N, C-alpha and C. Protein backbone atom coordinates (compact mmCIF):
# COMPACT_ATOMS: atom_id res chain seq x y z
N UNK A 1 30.14 -19.04 3.85
CA UNK A 1 29.39 -19.35 2.51
C UNK A 1 29.07 -17.98 1.94
N UNK A 2 29.58 -17.71 0.79
CA UNK A 2 29.14 -16.54 0.12
C UNK A 2 28.26 -16.62 -0.87
N UNK A 3 27.25 -15.50 -0.95
CA UNK A 3 26.22 -15.34 -2.03
C UNK A 3 26.82 -15.45 -3.45
N UNK A 4 26.31 -15.87 -4.34
CA UNK A 4 26.69 -15.58 -5.61
C UNK A 4 25.81 -14.56 -6.31
N UNK A 5 25.95 -13.99 -7.57
CA UNK A 5 25.55 -12.90 -7.94
C UNK A 5 23.94 -13.10 -7.88
N UNK A 6 23.45 -14.09 -8.33
CA UNK A 6 21.84 -14.15 -8.58
C UNK A 6 21.51 -14.25 -7.22
N UNK A 7 21.85 -14.95 -6.11
CA UNK A 7 21.36 -14.92 -4.73
C UNK A 7 21.37 -13.42 -4.23
N UNK A 8 22.39 -12.78 -4.23
CA UNK A 8 22.56 -11.32 -4.03
C UNK A 8 21.31 -10.50 -4.57
N UNK A 9 21.09 -10.66 -5.94
CA UNK A 9 20.01 -10.03 -6.61
C UNK A 9 18.75 -10.22 -6.14
N UNK A 10 18.77 -11.60 -6.04
CA UNK A 10 17.34 -12.07 -5.28
C UNK A 10 16.97 -11.22 -4.12
N UNK A 11 17.96 -11.43 -2.99
CA UNK A 11 17.93 -10.82 -1.72
C UNK A 11 17.68 -9.39 -1.73
N UNK A 12 18.10 -8.68 -2.79
CA UNK A 12 18.30 -7.15 -3.00
C UNK A 12 16.80 -7.02 -3.34
N UNK A 13 16.34 -7.70 -4.14
CA UNK A 13 14.77 -7.38 -4.56
C UNK A 13 13.66 -7.71 -3.76
N UNK A 14 14.16 -8.65 -3.02
CA UNK A 14 13.21 -9.35 -1.78
C UNK A 14 13.21 -8.14 -0.78
N UNK A 15 14.20 -7.50 -0.50
CA UNK A 15 14.42 -6.33 0.36
C UNK A 15 13.79 -4.88 0.00
N UNK A 16 13.91 -4.76 -1.38
CA UNK A 16 13.08 -3.80 -1.95
C UNK A 16 11.42 -3.85 -1.97
N UNK A 17 11.23 -5.37 -2.12
CA UNK A 17 9.69 -5.34 -2.23
C UNK A 17 9.11 -5.36 -0.80
N UNK A 18 9.88 -5.61 0.11
CA UNK A 18 9.54 -5.56 1.51
C UNK A 18 9.28 -4.14 1.91
N UNK A 19 10.47 -3.36 1.64
CA UNK A 19 10.30 -1.82 1.74
C UNK A 19 8.83 -1.26 1.16
N UNK A 20 8.73 -1.64 -0.10
CA UNK A 20 7.71 -1.08 -0.77
C UNK A 20 6.29 -1.42 0.18
N UNK A 21 6.34 -2.73 0.46
CA UNK A 21 5.13 -3.20 1.11
C UNK A 21 4.99 -2.42 2.49
N UNK A 22 6.16 -2.26 3.36
CA UNK A 22 5.91 -1.58 4.53
C UNK A 22 5.46 -0.01 4.17
N UNK A 23 5.91 0.53 3.12
CA UNK A 23 5.20 1.77 3.06
C UNK A 23 4.00 1.93 2.52
N UNK A 24 3.72 1.00 1.89
CA UNK A 24 2.12 0.76 1.42
C UNK A 24 1.33 0.70 2.59
N UNK A 25 1.92 -0.19 3.57
CA UNK A 25 0.98 -0.55 4.83
C UNK A 25 0.73 0.86 5.66
N UNK A 26 1.88 1.59 5.63
CA UNK A 26 1.90 3.06 6.12
C UNK A 26 0.61 3.81 5.45
N UNK A 27 0.81 3.82 4.34
CA UNK A 27 -0.38 4.48 3.65
C UNK A 27 -1.47 3.96 3.81
N UNK A 28 -1.67 2.69 3.92
CA UNK A 28 -3.08 2.35 4.12
C UNK A 28 -3.56 2.66 5.54
N UNK A 29 -2.77 2.77 6.52
CA UNK A 29 -3.14 3.40 7.75
C UNK A 29 -3.49 4.67 7.75
N UNK A 30 -2.73 5.47 7.08
CA UNK A 30 -3.25 6.89 6.80
C UNK A 30 -4.59 7.07 6.17
N UNK A 31 -4.81 6.26 5.26
CA UNK A 31 -5.99 6.13 4.54
C UNK A 31 -7.17 5.85 5.59
N UNK A 32 -6.78 4.73 6.24
CA UNK A 32 -7.82 4.34 7.38
C UNK A 32 -7.98 5.32 8.12
N UNK A 33 -7.05 6.24 8.71
CA UNK A 33 -7.47 7.29 9.55
C UNK A 33 -8.35 8.48 8.87
N UNK A 34 -7.92 8.73 7.70
CA UNK A 34 -8.69 9.70 6.97
C UNK A 34 -10.18 9.00 6.93
N UNK A 35 -10.14 7.85 6.39
CA UNK A 35 -11.68 7.37 6.38
C UNK A 35 -12.51 7.53 7.61
N UNK A 36 -11.73 7.15 8.89
CA UNK A 36 -12.45 7.21 10.23
C UNK A 36 -13.08 8.61 10.45
N UNK A 37 -12.24 9.78 9.97
CA UNK A 37 -12.31 11.14 10.17
C UNK A 37 -13.47 11.72 9.05
N UNK A 38 -13.98 10.82 8.23
CA UNK A 38 -14.88 11.14 6.91
C UNK A 38 -13.95 11.79 5.94
N UNK A 39 -12.86 11.95 5.68
CA UNK A 39 -11.90 12.59 4.86
C UNK A 39 -11.86 11.69 3.77
N UNK A 40 -12.82 11.28 2.88
CA UNK A 40 -12.87 10.32 1.93
C UNK A 40 -11.92 10.43 0.69
N UNK A 41 -11.90 11.85 0.26
CA UNK A 41 -10.93 11.91 -0.70
C UNK A 41 -9.29 11.59 -0.35
N UNK A 42 -9.11 12.35 0.67
CA UNK A 42 -7.94 12.07 1.44
C UNK A 42 -7.54 10.41 1.51
N UNK A 43 -8.49 9.92 1.94
CA UNK A 43 -8.41 8.35 2.19
C UNK A 43 -8.14 7.60 0.64
N UNK A 44 -8.79 7.94 -0.26
CA UNK A 44 -8.57 7.48 -1.59
C UNK A 44 -7.14 7.73 -1.95
N UNK A 45 -6.65 9.00 -1.84
CA UNK A 45 -5.38 9.33 -2.49
C UNK A 45 -4.52 8.38 -1.60
N UNK A 46 -4.49 8.00 -0.21
CA UNK A 46 -3.60 7.26 0.28
C UNK A 46 -3.85 5.88 -0.13
N UNK A 47 -5.00 5.41 -0.37
CA UNK A 47 -5.10 3.96 -0.95
C UNK A 47 -4.66 3.78 -2.30
N UNK A 48 -4.77 4.73 -2.95
CA UNK A 48 -4.05 4.76 -4.45
C UNK A 48 -2.70 4.85 -4.06
N UNK A 49 -1.90 5.38 -3.36
CA UNK A 49 -0.38 5.45 -3.23
C UNK A 49 -0.18 4.21 -2.73
N UNK A 50 -0.80 3.42 -1.77
CA UNK A 50 -0.56 2.20 -1.44
C UNK A 50 -0.55 1.27 -2.46
N UNK A 51 -1.51 1.26 -3.44
CA UNK A 51 -1.68 0.32 -4.65
C UNK A 51 -0.40 0.66 -5.77
N UNK A 52 0.01 1.82 -5.73
CA UNK A 52 1.13 1.91 -6.51
C UNK A 52 2.38 1.41 -5.97
N UNK A 53 2.38 1.59 -4.82
CA UNK A 53 3.70 0.93 -4.01
C UNK A 53 3.63 -0.65 -4.14
N UNK A 54 2.43 -1.18 -3.62
CA UNK A 54 2.44 -2.53 -3.56
C UNK A 54 1.12 -2.90 -3.99
N UNK A 55 0.99 -3.56 -5.24
CA UNK A 55 -0.33 -3.83 -5.73
C UNK A 55 -0.93 -5.39 -5.56
N UNK A 56 -0.36 -5.96 -4.45
CA UNK A 56 -0.78 -7.42 -4.19
C UNK A 56 -1.50 -7.70 -2.88
N UNK A 57 -2.07 -6.56 -2.39
CA UNK A 57 -2.74 -6.48 -1.22
C UNK A 57 -4.37 -5.97 -1.61
N UNK A 58 -5.22 -6.94 -1.71
CA UNK A 58 -6.53 -6.56 -1.94
C UNK A 58 -7.29 -5.65 -1.14
N UNK A 59 -6.87 -5.47 0.07
CA UNK A 59 -7.39 -4.51 0.96
C UNK A 59 -7.32 -3.06 0.71
N UNK A 60 -6.14 -2.72 -0.22
CA UNK A 60 -6.08 -1.55 -0.57
C UNK A 60 -7.27 -0.99 -1.50
N UNK A 61 -7.59 -1.89 -2.36
CA UNK A 61 -8.71 -1.89 -3.38
C UNK A 61 -9.97 -1.65 -2.69
N UNK A 62 -10.25 -2.69 -1.64
CA UNK A 62 -11.57 -2.71 -1.06
C UNK A 62 -11.60 -1.64 -0.28
N UNK A 63 -10.86 -0.97 0.43
CA UNK A 63 -10.80 0.01 1.41
C UNK A 63 -11.02 1.38 0.38
N UNK A 64 -10.30 1.33 -0.67
CA UNK A 64 -10.71 2.63 -1.73
C UNK A 64 -11.92 2.55 -2.24
N UNK A 65 -12.61 1.54 -2.29
CA UNK A 65 -13.83 1.33 -2.99
C UNK A 65 -15.11 1.85 -1.83
N UNK A 66 -14.74 1.53 -0.64
CA UNK A 66 -15.74 1.83 0.50
C UNK A 66 -15.54 3.38 0.59
N UNK A 67 -14.21 3.94 0.38
CA UNK A 67 -14.30 5.54 0.74
C UNK A 67 -15.09 6.07 -0.44
N UNK A 68 -14.78 5.42 -1.72
CA UNK A 68 -15.48 6.22 -3.16
C UNK A 68 -16.88 6.06 -2.71
N UNK A 69 -17.46 4.86 -2.21
CA UNK A 69 -18.91 4.79 -2.14
C UNK A 69 -19.36 5.82 -0.90
N UNK A 70 -18.75 6.01 0.20
CA UNK A 70 -19.01 6.87 1.17
C UNK A 70 -18.90 8.39 0.70
N UNK A 71 -18.08 8.80 -0.14
CA UNK A 71 -17.87 10.00 -0.80
C UNK A 71 -19.33 10.32 -1.50
N UNK A 72 -19.75 9.55 -2.25
CA UNK A 72 -20.79 9.74 -3.39
C UNK A 72 -22.41 9.41 -2.58
N UNK A 73 -22.36 9.16 -1.31
CA UNK A 73 -23.46 8.83 -0.54
C UNK A 73 -24.07 10.12 0.01
């Protein structure tokens, strides 16, 4: 059974979104590592990059806020 053009486009879009989400999760992990090392500015940069890649995960925002609060305390 062959996919029609719309199914193929949807599959490609889903694959692209999954790749962006995976890259965003890598950025989040780098942010978490920086946060644990008290490199808060670096952590914020990673969380911001994660948000640019995939803006549907609220943990990127909450982690960034935590880093911002620690940076200013």
